Amino acid sequence: MWEAFEQLSWIQKLSSTGWAYNTVSVTHYLTMFWFIGSIAIVDLRVMGLAARKRTVRDVAEQLFPWAWIGFAISSFAGFLMFATDAGDWAPSPHFHIKLALIGVSVVLAIIVQKSAPKWSEAAETSAGAKLIALLSLAFWIWTIVSASEIPAKEGLG
């Protein structure tokens, strides 16, 4: 199935046109760091390590819209990269781990985003909130490391 998907004409064109594939690749990585960086700043604010003069709510409201735009662009570009070699990527257990880590990381980011207004109302950020933010940050880092290890472990990328 995935090999047939790779053979679609537009995917073949993307795969064989160096500048197009490189543009998609750079877009994927740039927007990935854009959205993870935005989420990391919010997580660090929840933990009291960044933007201390601003409330968690303010930081979250300012950065999360940009984070989700970056996530959407990065996901689309990542899908295009996947499409050019889908037959090799789809069965990769390391790729599945990366996707699972992205899923957990996104859920944690949503929890932080939805909880930010409530956390801002408290005089001091709770230990539970800080733990969730730490887990969010840790899972994004784990996701990046996992994704960067795929080429070494699978010979892909």
N, C-alpha and C. Protein backbone atom coordinates (compact mmCIF):
# COMPACT_ATOMS: atom_id res chain seq x y z
N MET A 1 0.81 -1.19 0.00
CA MET A 1 0.00 0.00 0.00
C MET A 1 0.87 1.27 0.00
N TRP A 2 1.84 1.34 0.91
CA TRP A 2 2.67 2.55 1.00
C TRP A 2 3.55 2.72 -0.23
N GLU A 3 4.00 1.60 -0.80
CA GLU A 3 4.81 1.69 -2.01
C GLU A 3 3.99 2.29 -3.15
N ALA A 4 2.73 1.93 -3.23
CA ALA A 4 1.85 2.50 -4.26
C ALA A 4 1.65 3.99 -4.02
N PHE A 5 1.53 4.37 -2.77
CA PHE A 5 1.39 5.78 -2.42
C PHE A 5 2.61 6.58 -2.89
N GLU A 6 3.79 6.00 -2.67
CA GLU A 6 5.04 6.65 -3.11
C GLU A 6 5.08 6.89 -4.61
N GLN A 7 4.36 6.07 -5.37
CA GLN A 7 4.40 6.14 -6.83
C GLN A 7 3.47 7.20 -7.42
N LEU A 8 2.69 7.88 -6.58
CA LEU A 8 1.85 8.96 -7.10
C LEU A 8 2.75 10.00 -7.76
N SER A 9 2.29 10.56 -8.86
CA SER A 9 3.14 11.44 -9.66
C SER A 9 3.65 12.65 -8.88
N TRP A 10 2.80 13.27 -8.09
CA TRP A 10 3.24 14.46 -7.36
C TRP A 10 4.25 14.13 -6.27
N ILE A 11 4.14 12.93 -5.70
CA ILE A 11 5.13 12.51 -4.69
C ILE A 11 6.45 12.18 -5.38
N GLN A 12 6.37 11.53 -6.53
CA GLN A 12 7.59 11.26 -7.30
C GLN A 12 8.29 12.56 -7.68
N LYS A 13 7.52 13.54 -8.07
CA LYS A 13 8.08 14.85 -8.45
C LYS A 13 8.76 15.51 -7.25
N LEU A 14 8.10 15.48 -6.12
CA LEU A 14 8.68 16.04 -4.90
C LEU A 14 9.97 15.31 -4.53
N SER A 15 9.93 14.00 -4.61
CA SER A 15 11.09 13.17 -4.26
C SER A 15 12.28 13.41 -5.17
N SER A 16 12.02 13.67 -6.43
CA SER A 16 13.11 13.78 -7.40
C SER A 16 13.56 15.22 -7.67
N THR A 17 12.90 16.18 -7.07
CA THR A 17 13.27 17.58 -7.26
C THR A 17 13.98 18.05 -6.00
N GLY A 18 15.30 18.15 -6.10
CA GLY A 18 16.11 18.47 -4.93
C GLY A 18 15.68 19.71 -4.18
N TRP A 19 15.47 20.81 -4.89
CA TRP A 19 15.12 22.05 -4.20
C TRP A 19 13.76 21.95 -3.51
N ALA A 20 12.81 21.21 -4.12
CA ALA A 20 11.48 21.08 -3.53
C ALA A 20 11.55 20.25 -2.25
N TYR A 21 12.23 19.10 -2.33
CA TYR A 21 12.35 18.25 -1.14
C TYR A 21 13.10 18.99 -0.03
N ASN A 22 14.18 19.68 -0.41
CA ASN A 22 14.95 20.42 0.60
C ASN A 22 14.13 21.53 1.23
N THR A 23 13.29 22.19 0.45
CA THR A 23 12.41 23.24 0.99
C THR A 23 11.43 22.65 1.99
N VAL A 24 10.86 21.50 1.64
CA VAL A 24 9.93 20.83 2.56
C VAL A 24 10.67 20.41 3.83
N SER A 25 11.85 19.87 3.68
CA SER A 25 12.64 19.42 4.82
C SER A 25 12.99 20.58 5.75
N VAL A 26 13.49 21.67 5.19
CA VAL A 26 13.84 22.84 6.01
C VAL A 26 12.58 23.39 6.69
N THR A 27 11.48 23.44 5.97
CA THR A 27 10.22 23.92 6.54
C THR A 27 9.80 23.05 7.72
N HIS A 28 9.93 21.73 7.56
CA HIS A 28 9.58 20.81 8.64
C HIS A 28 10.40 21.09 9.89
N TYR A 29 11.70 21.16 9.74
CA TYR A 29 12.56 21.36 10.90
C TYR A 29 12.42 22.75 11.51
N LEU A 30 12.33 23.76 10.67
CA LEU A 30 12.18 25.13 11.18
C LEU A 30 10.89 25.28 11.98
N THR A 31 9.79 24.81 11.43
CA THR A 31 8.52 24.96 12.13
C THR A 31 8.41 24.02 13.33
N MET A 32 9.11 22.89 13.29
CA MET A 32 9.14 22.00 14.45
C MET A 32 9.80 22.72 15.63
N PHE A 33 10.93 23.36 15.38
CA PHE A 33 11.59 24.08 16.46
C PHE A 33 10.80 25.32 16.87
N TRP A 34 10.08 25.90 15.93
CA TRP A 34 9.21 27.04 16.23
C TRP A 34 8.12 26.61 17.22
N PHE A 35 7.42 25.50 16.93
CA PHE A 35 6.33 25.14 17.83
C PHE A 35 6.83 24.53 19.13
N ILE A 36 7.88 23.72 19.09
CA ILE A 36 8.39 23.15 20.34
C ILE A 36 9.01 24.25 21.20
N GLY A 37 9.67 25.21 20.57
CA GLY A 37 10.24 26.33 21.32
C GLY A 37 9.16 27.15 22.01
N SER A 38 8.05 27.38 21.31
CA SER A 38 6.94 28.13 21.90
C SER A 38 6.35 27.39 23.09
N ILE A 39 6.15 26.10 22.92
CA ILE A 39 5.62 25.28 24.02
C ILE A 39 6.61 25.24 25.18
N ALA A 40 7.89 25.13 24.87
CA ALA A 40 8.92 25.07 25.92
C ALA A 40 8.91 26.35 26.76
N ILE A 41 8.73 27.50 26.13
CA ILE A 41 8.70 28.74 26.89
C ILE A 41 7.53 28.75 27.87
N VAL A 42 6.38 28.28 27.41
CA VAL A 42 5.22 28.20 28.31
C VAL A 42 5.51 27.21 29.44
N ASP A 43 6.06 26.05 29.11
CA ASP A 43 6.40 25.07 30.15
C ASP A 43 7.37 25.65 31.16
N LEU A 44 8.39 26.35 30.66
CA LEU A 44 9.36 26.97 31.56
C LEU A 44 8.73 28.06 32.42
N ARG A 45 7.75 28.78 31.87
CA ARG A 45 7.03 29.78 32.67
C ARG A 45 6.23 29.11 33.77
N VAL A 46 5.57 28.00 33.45
CA VAL A 46 4.80 27.28 34.47
C VAL A 46 5.74 26.83 35.59
N MET A 47 6.94 26.41 35.23
CA MET A 47 7.90 25.95 36.23
C MET A 47 8.58 27.12 36.95
N GLY A 48 8.30 28.35 36.54
CA GLY A 48 8.87 29.52 37.19
C GLY A 48 10.29 29.85 36.74
N LEU A 49 10.67 29.34 35.56
CA LEU A 49 12.05 29.52 35.09
C LEU A 49 12.17 30.53 33.96
N ALA A 50 11.08 31.05 33.46
CA ALA A 50 11.11 32.02 32.35
C ALA A 50 9.94 32.99 32.49
N ALA A 51 10.11 34.19 31.96
CA ALA A 51 9.04 35.20 31.90
C ALA A 51 8.31 35.36 33.23
N ARG A 52 9.06 35.46 34.29
CA ARG A 52 8.47 35.52 35.64
C ARG A 52 7.59 36.74 35.88
N LYS A 53 7.80 37.79 35.12
CA LYS A 53 7.00 39.01 35.32
C LYS A 53 5.64 38.94 34.64
N ARG A 54 5.41 37.87 33.90
CA ARG A 54 4.14 37.69 33.19
C ARG A 54 3.42 36.48 33.76
N THR A 55 2.10 36.49 33.67
CA THR A 55 1.34 35.35 34.18
C THR A 55 1.44 34.19 33.20
N VAL A 56 1.19 33.02 33.71
CA VAL A 56 1.17 31.83 32.87
C VAL A 56 0.13 32.00 31.77
N ARG A 57 -1.02 32.53 32.14
CA ARG A 57 -2.09 32.75 31.17
C ARG A 57 -1.62 33.65 30.02
N ASP A 58 -0.98 34.76 30.36
CA ASP A 58 -0.51 35.69 29.31
C ASP A 58 0.47 35.04 28.36
N VAL A 59 1.42 34.33 28.92
CA VAL A 59 2.43 33.66 28.08
C VAL A 59 1.77 32.60 27.21
N ALA A 60 0.89 31.81 27.82
CA ALA A 60 0.20 30.75 27.06
C ALA A 60 -0.68 31.34 25.96
N GLU A 61 -1.43 32.39 26.28
CA GLU A 61 -2.31 32.99 25.28
C GLU A 61 -1.53 33.61 24.13
N GLN A 62 -0.35 34.12 24.43
CA GLN A 62 0.46 34.72 23.38
C GLN A 62 1.15 33.67 22.52
N LEU A 63 1.64 32.59 23.12
CA LEU A 63 2.48 31.65 22.37
C LEU A 63 1.76 30.44 21.80
N PHE A 64 0.73 29.94 22.46
CA PHE A 64 0.10 28.72 21.96
C PHE A 64 -0.51 28.85 20.57
N PRO A 65 -1.15 29.97 20.22
CA PRO A 65 -1.64 30.06 18.83
C PRO A 65 -0.51 29.89 17.81
N TRP A 66 0.62 30.52 18.08
CA TRP A 66 1.77 30.38 17.18
C TRP A 66 2.32 28.96 17.20
N ALA A 67 2.31 28.35 18.37
CA ALA A 67 2.79 26.97 18.48
C ALA A 67 1.95 26.04 17.61
N TRP A 68 0.63 26.19 17.66
CA TRP A 68 -0.23 25.29 16.89
C TRP A 68 -0.14 25.55 15.39
N ILE A 69 0.10 26.81 15.00
CA ILE A 69 0.34 27.09 13.58
C ILE A 69 1.62 26.38 13.14
N GLY A 70 2.66 26.50 13.96
CA GLY A 70 3.92 25.80 13.65
C GLY A 70 3.74 24.30 13.61
N PHE A 71 2.94 23.76 14.53
CA PHE A 71 2.68 22.33 14.56
C PHE A 71 1.98 21.87 13.28
N ALA A 72 0.99 22.64 12.84
CA ALA A 72 0.25 22.27 11.63
C ALA A 72 1.18 22.28 10.41
N ILE A 73 1.99 23.32 10.28
CA ILE A 73 2.90 23.40 9.14
C ILE A 73 3.93 22.28 9.20
N SER A 74 4.49 22.06 10.39
CA SER A 74 5.50 21.00 10.55
C SER A 74 4.91 19.62 10.26
N SER A 75 3.69 19.38 10.71
CA SER A 75 3.05 18.09 10.47
C SER A 75 2.81 17.87 8.98
N PHE A 76 2.36 18.91 8.30
CA PHE A 76 2.13 18.80 6.86
C PHE A 76 3.45 18.53 6.12
N ALA A 77 4.47 19.30 6.46
CA ALA A 77 5.78 19.10 5.82
C ALA A 77 6.34 17.72 6.16
N GLY A 78 6.15 17.29 7.41
CA GLY A 78 6.61 15.95 7.81
C GLY A 78 5.90 14.86 7.04
N PHE A 79 4.59 15.04 6.81
CA PHE A 79 3.84 14.08 6.01
C PHE A 79 4.39 14.02 4.59
N LEU A 80 4.71 15.18 4.01
CA LEU A 80 5.29 15.19 2.66
C LEU A 80 6.63 14.46 2.63
N MET A 81 7.45 14.66 3.66
CA MET A 81 8.73 13.95 3.73
C MET A 81 8.49 12.43 3.85
N PHE A 82 7.54 12.06 4.70
CA PHE A 82 7.17 10.66 4.86
C PHE A 82 6.71 10.07 3.53
N ALA A 83 5.90 10.83 2.80
CA ALA A 83 5.29 10.33 1.56
C ALA A 83 6.33 9.93 0.52
N THR A 84 7.48 10.62 0.51
CA THR A 84 8.50 10.32 -0.51
C THR A 84 9.18 8.98 -0.29
N ASP A 85 9.07 8.43 0.90
CA ASP A 85 9.70 7.14 1.21
C ASP A 85 8.82 6.33 2.17
N ALA A 86 7.51 6.42 1.95
CA ALA A 86 6.53 5.83 2.87
C ALA A 86 6.70 4.33 3.06
N GLY A 87 7.10 3.62 2.02
CA GLY A 87 7.26 2.18 2.12
C GLY A 87 8.33 1.77 3.12
N ASP A 88 9.32 2.61 3.30
CA ASP A 88 10.36 2.33 4.30
C ASP A 88 10.01 2.87 5.67
N TRP A 89 9.37 4.04 5.71
CA TRP A 89 9.05 4.65 7.00
C TRP A 89 7.90 3.93 7.72
N ALA A 90 6.88 3.56 7.00
CA ALA A 90 5.67 3.00 7.62
C ALA A 90 5.93 1.79 8.52
N PRO A 91 6.76 0.84 8.12
CA PRO A 91 6.97 -0.32 8.99
C PRO A 91 8.00 -0.11 10.10
N SER A 92 8.67 1.02 10.13
CA SER A 92 9.74 1.26 11.09
C SER A 92 9.21 1.38 12.52
N PRO A 93 9.64 0.50 13.43
CA PRO A 93 9.18 0.62 14.82
C PRO A 93 9.67 1.92 15.47
N HIS A 94 10.83 2.41 15.06
CA HIS A 94 11.34 3.66 15.61
C HIS A 94 10.49 4.84 15.17
N PHE A 95 9.99 4.77 13.95
CA PHE A 95 9.09 5.81 13.45
C PHE A 95 7.77 5.76 14.22
N HIS A 96 7.28 4.58 14.54
CA HIS A 96 6.05 4.44 15.32
C HIS A 96 6.24 5.02 16.72
N ILE A 97 7.42 4.79 17.30
CA ILE A 97 7.72 5.36 18.62
C ILE A 97 7.70 6.88 18.54
N LYS A 98 8.31 7.43 17.50
CA LYS A 98 8.31 8.89 17.31
C LYS A 98 6.88 9.41 17.24
N LEU A 99 6.03 8.76 16.46
CA LEU A 99 4.64 9.21 16.35
C LEU A 99 3.90 9.11 17.69
N ALA A 100 4.15 8.05 18.44
CA ALA A 100 3.53 7.90 19.76
C ALA A 100 4.00 9.00 20.71
N LEU A 101 5.29 9.31 20.66
CA LEU A 101 5.82 10.38 21.51
C LEU A 101 5.22 11.73 21.14
N ILE A 102 5.04 11.96 19.84
CA ILE A 102 4.38 13.20 19.40
C ILE A 102 2.97 13.26 19.98
N GLY A 103 2.25 12.14 19.92
CA GLY A 103 0.89 12.10 20.45
C GLY A 103 0.84 12.43 21.93
N VAL A 104 1.72 11.83 22.72
CA VAL A 104 1.75 12.10 24.17
C VAL A 104 2.14 13.55 24.41
N SER A 105 3.12 14.03 23.66
CA SER A 105 3.59 15.41 23.82
C SER A 105 2.48 16.41 23.51
N VAL A 106 1.72 16.15 22.46
CA VAL A 106 0.61 17.03 22.10
C VAL A 106 -0.45 17.04 23.19
N VAL A 107 -0.77 15.87 23.74
CA VAL A 107 -1.76 15.80 24.82
C VAL A 107 -1.28 16.63 26.02
N LEU A 108 -0.01 16.49 26.38
CA LEU A 108 0.52 17.26 27.51
C LEU A 108 0.49 18.76 27.21
N ALA A 109 0.80 19.15 25.98
CA ALA A 109 0.75 20.57 25.61
C ALA A 109 -0.68 21.10 25.71
N ILE A 110 -1.66 20.30 25.30
CA ILE A 110 -3.06 20.71 25.40
C ILE A 110 -3.47 20.87 26.87
N ILE A 111 -3.01 19.95 27.71
CA ILE A 111 -3.31 20.06 29.14
C ILE A 111 -2.73 21.36 29.70
N VAL A 112 -1.49 21.67 29.34
CA VAL A 112 -0.88 22.92 29.81
C VAL A 112 -1.66 24.11 29.30
N GLN A 113 -2.02 24.09 28.02
CA GLN A 113 -2.75 25.22 27.44
C GLN A 113 -4.11 25.41 28.12
N LYS A 114 -4.84 24.33 28.31
CA LYS A 114 -6.18 24.42 28.91
C LYS A 114 -6.11 24.79 30.39
N SER A 115 -5.03 24.41 31.06
CA SER A 115 -4.91 24.66 32.50
C SER A 115 -4.27 25.99 32.83
N ALA A 116 -3.63 26.64 31.87
CA ALA A 116 -2.90 27.89 32.12
C ALA A 116 -3.77 28.96 32.81
N PRO A 117 -5.00 29.19 32.37
CA PRO A 117 -5.81 30.21 33.05
C PRO A 117 -6.03 29.89 34.53
N LYS A 118 -6.31 28.62 34.82
CA LYS A 118 -6.54 28.21 36.21
C LYS A 118 -5.26 28.36 37.02
N TRP A 119 -4.13 27.98 36.44
CA TRP A 119 -2.86 28.07 37.15
C TRP A 119 -2.49 29.52 37.43
N SER A 120 -2.92 30.44 36.58
CA SER A 120 -2.62 31.86 36.78
C SER A 120 -3.38 32.46 37.95
N GLU A 121 -4.49 31.87 38.31
CA GLU A 121 -5.31 32.39 39.40
C GLU A 121 -4.70 32.13 40.76
N ALA A 122 -3.90 31.09 40.87
CA ALA A 122 -3.30 30.74 42.16
C ALA A 122 -2.15 31.69 42.48
N ALA A 123 -1.95 31.92 43.76
CA ALA A 123 -0.86 32.80 44.19
C ALA A 123 0.49 32.20 43.81
N GLU A 124 0.56 30.89 43.86
CA GLU A 124 1.79 30.19 43.50
C GLU A 124 1.43 28.97 42.66
N THR A 125 2.24 28.69 41.66
CA THR A 125 1.98 27.54 40.79
C THR A 125 2.19 26.26 41.59
N SER A 126 1.22 25.36 41.48
CA SER A 126 1.28 24.11 42.25
C SER A 126 2.37 23.18 41.74
N ALA A 127 2.77 22.28 42.60
CA ALA A 127 3.77 21.27 42.23
C ALA A 127 3.24 20.39 41.10
N GLY A 128 1.94 20.10 41.11
CA GLY A 128 1.34 19.29 40.05
C GLY A 128 1.42 19.97 38.69
N ALA A 129 1.17 21.27 38.67
CA ALA A 129 1.27 22.04 37.42
C ALA A 129 2.70 22.03 36.91
N LYS A 130 3.64 22.24 37.83
CA LYS A 130 5.05 22.23 37.44
C LYS A 130 5.47 20.86 36.92
N LEU A 131 4.94 19.80 37.52
CA LEU A 131 5.26 18.44 37.06
C LEU A 131 4.71 18.21 35.65
N ILE A 132 3.51 18.65 35.39
CA ILE A 132 2.92 18.50 34.04
C ILE A 132 3.77 19.26 33.02
N ALA A 133 4.17 20.48 33.36
CA ALA A 133 5.00 21.28 32.45
C ALA A 133 6.35 20.59 32.23
N LEU A 134 6.92 20.06 33.28
CA LEU A 134 8.20 19.34 33.15
C LEU A 134 8.04 18.11 32.27
N LEU A 135 6.97 17.38 32.46
CA LEU A 135 6.70 16.21 31.61
C LEU A 135 6.51 16.62 30.15
N SER A 136 5.79 17.70 29.92
CA SER A 136 5.58 18.20 28.57
C SER A 136 6.93 18.51 27.91
N LEU A 137 7.75 19.25 28.61
CA LEU A 137 9.07 19.60 28.08
C LEU A 137 9.92 18.35 27.86
N ALA A 138 9.91 17.44 28.81
CA ALA A 138 10.70 16.21 28.69
C ALA A 138 10.24 15.36 27.51
N PHE A 139 8.93 15.26 27.31
CA PHE A 139 8.44 14.45 26.18
C PHE A 139 8.79 15.08 24.85
N TRP A 140 8.77 16.42 24.75
CA TRP A 140 9.18 17.05 23.50
C TRP A 140 10.66 16.80 23.23
N ILE A 141 11.47 16.89 24.27
CA ILE A 141 12.90 16.60 24.09
C ILE A 141 13.09 15.16 23.69
N TRP A 142 12.39 14.24 24.33
CA TRP A 142 12.47 12.81 24.00
C TRP A 142 12.04 12.59 22.55
N THR A 143 11.02 13.30 22.12
CA THR A 143 10.55 13.19 20.74
C THR A 143 11.64 13.61 19.76
N ILE A 144 12.28 14.75 20.04
CA ILE A 144 13.35 15.23 19.16
C ILE A 144 14.50 14.23 19.10
N VAL A 145 14.92 13.74 20.25
CA VAL A 145 16.02 12.78 20.30
C VAL A 145 15.63 11.50 19.57
N SER A 146 14.43 11.02 19.80
CA SER A 146 13.95 9.81 19.14
C SER A 146 13.95 9.99 17.62
N ALA A 147 13.45 11.13 17.16
CA ALA A 147 13.39 11.38 15.71
C ALA A 147 14.79 11.48 15.12
N SER A 148 15.70 12.08 15.85
CA SER A 148 17.06 12.23 15.31
C SER A 148 17.82 10.91 15.28
N GLU A 149 17.39 9.94 16.05
CA GLU A 149 18.05 8.65 16.11
C GLU A 149 17.55 7.67 15.03
N ILE A 150 16.44 7.97 14.41
CA ILE A 150 15.87 7.07 13.41
C ILE A 150 16.86 6.77 12.29
N PRO A 151 17.52 7.77 11.69
CA PRO A 151 18.46 7.45 10.62
C PRO A 151 19.56 6.49 11.06
N ALA A 152 20.08 6.68 12.27
CA ALA A 152 21.15 5.80 12.74
C ALA A 152 20.66 4.37 12.99
N LYS A 153 19.47 4.24 13.49
CA LYS A 153 18.94 2.93 13.84
C LYS A 153 18.30 2.20 12.66
N GLU A 154 17.74 2.96 11.74
CA GLU A 154 17.00 2.35 10.64
C GLU A 154 17.63 2.58 9.27
N GLY A 155 18.58 3.51 9.19
CA GLY A 155 19.14 3.87 7.90
C GLY A 155 18.18 4.68 7.06
N LEU A 156 17.23 5.33 7.71
CA LEU A 156 16.24 6.15 7.01
C LEU A 156 16.52 7.61 7.25
N GLY A 157 16.06 8.44 6.33
CA GLY A 157 16.15 9.89 6.54
C GLY A 157 17.29 10.53 5.83
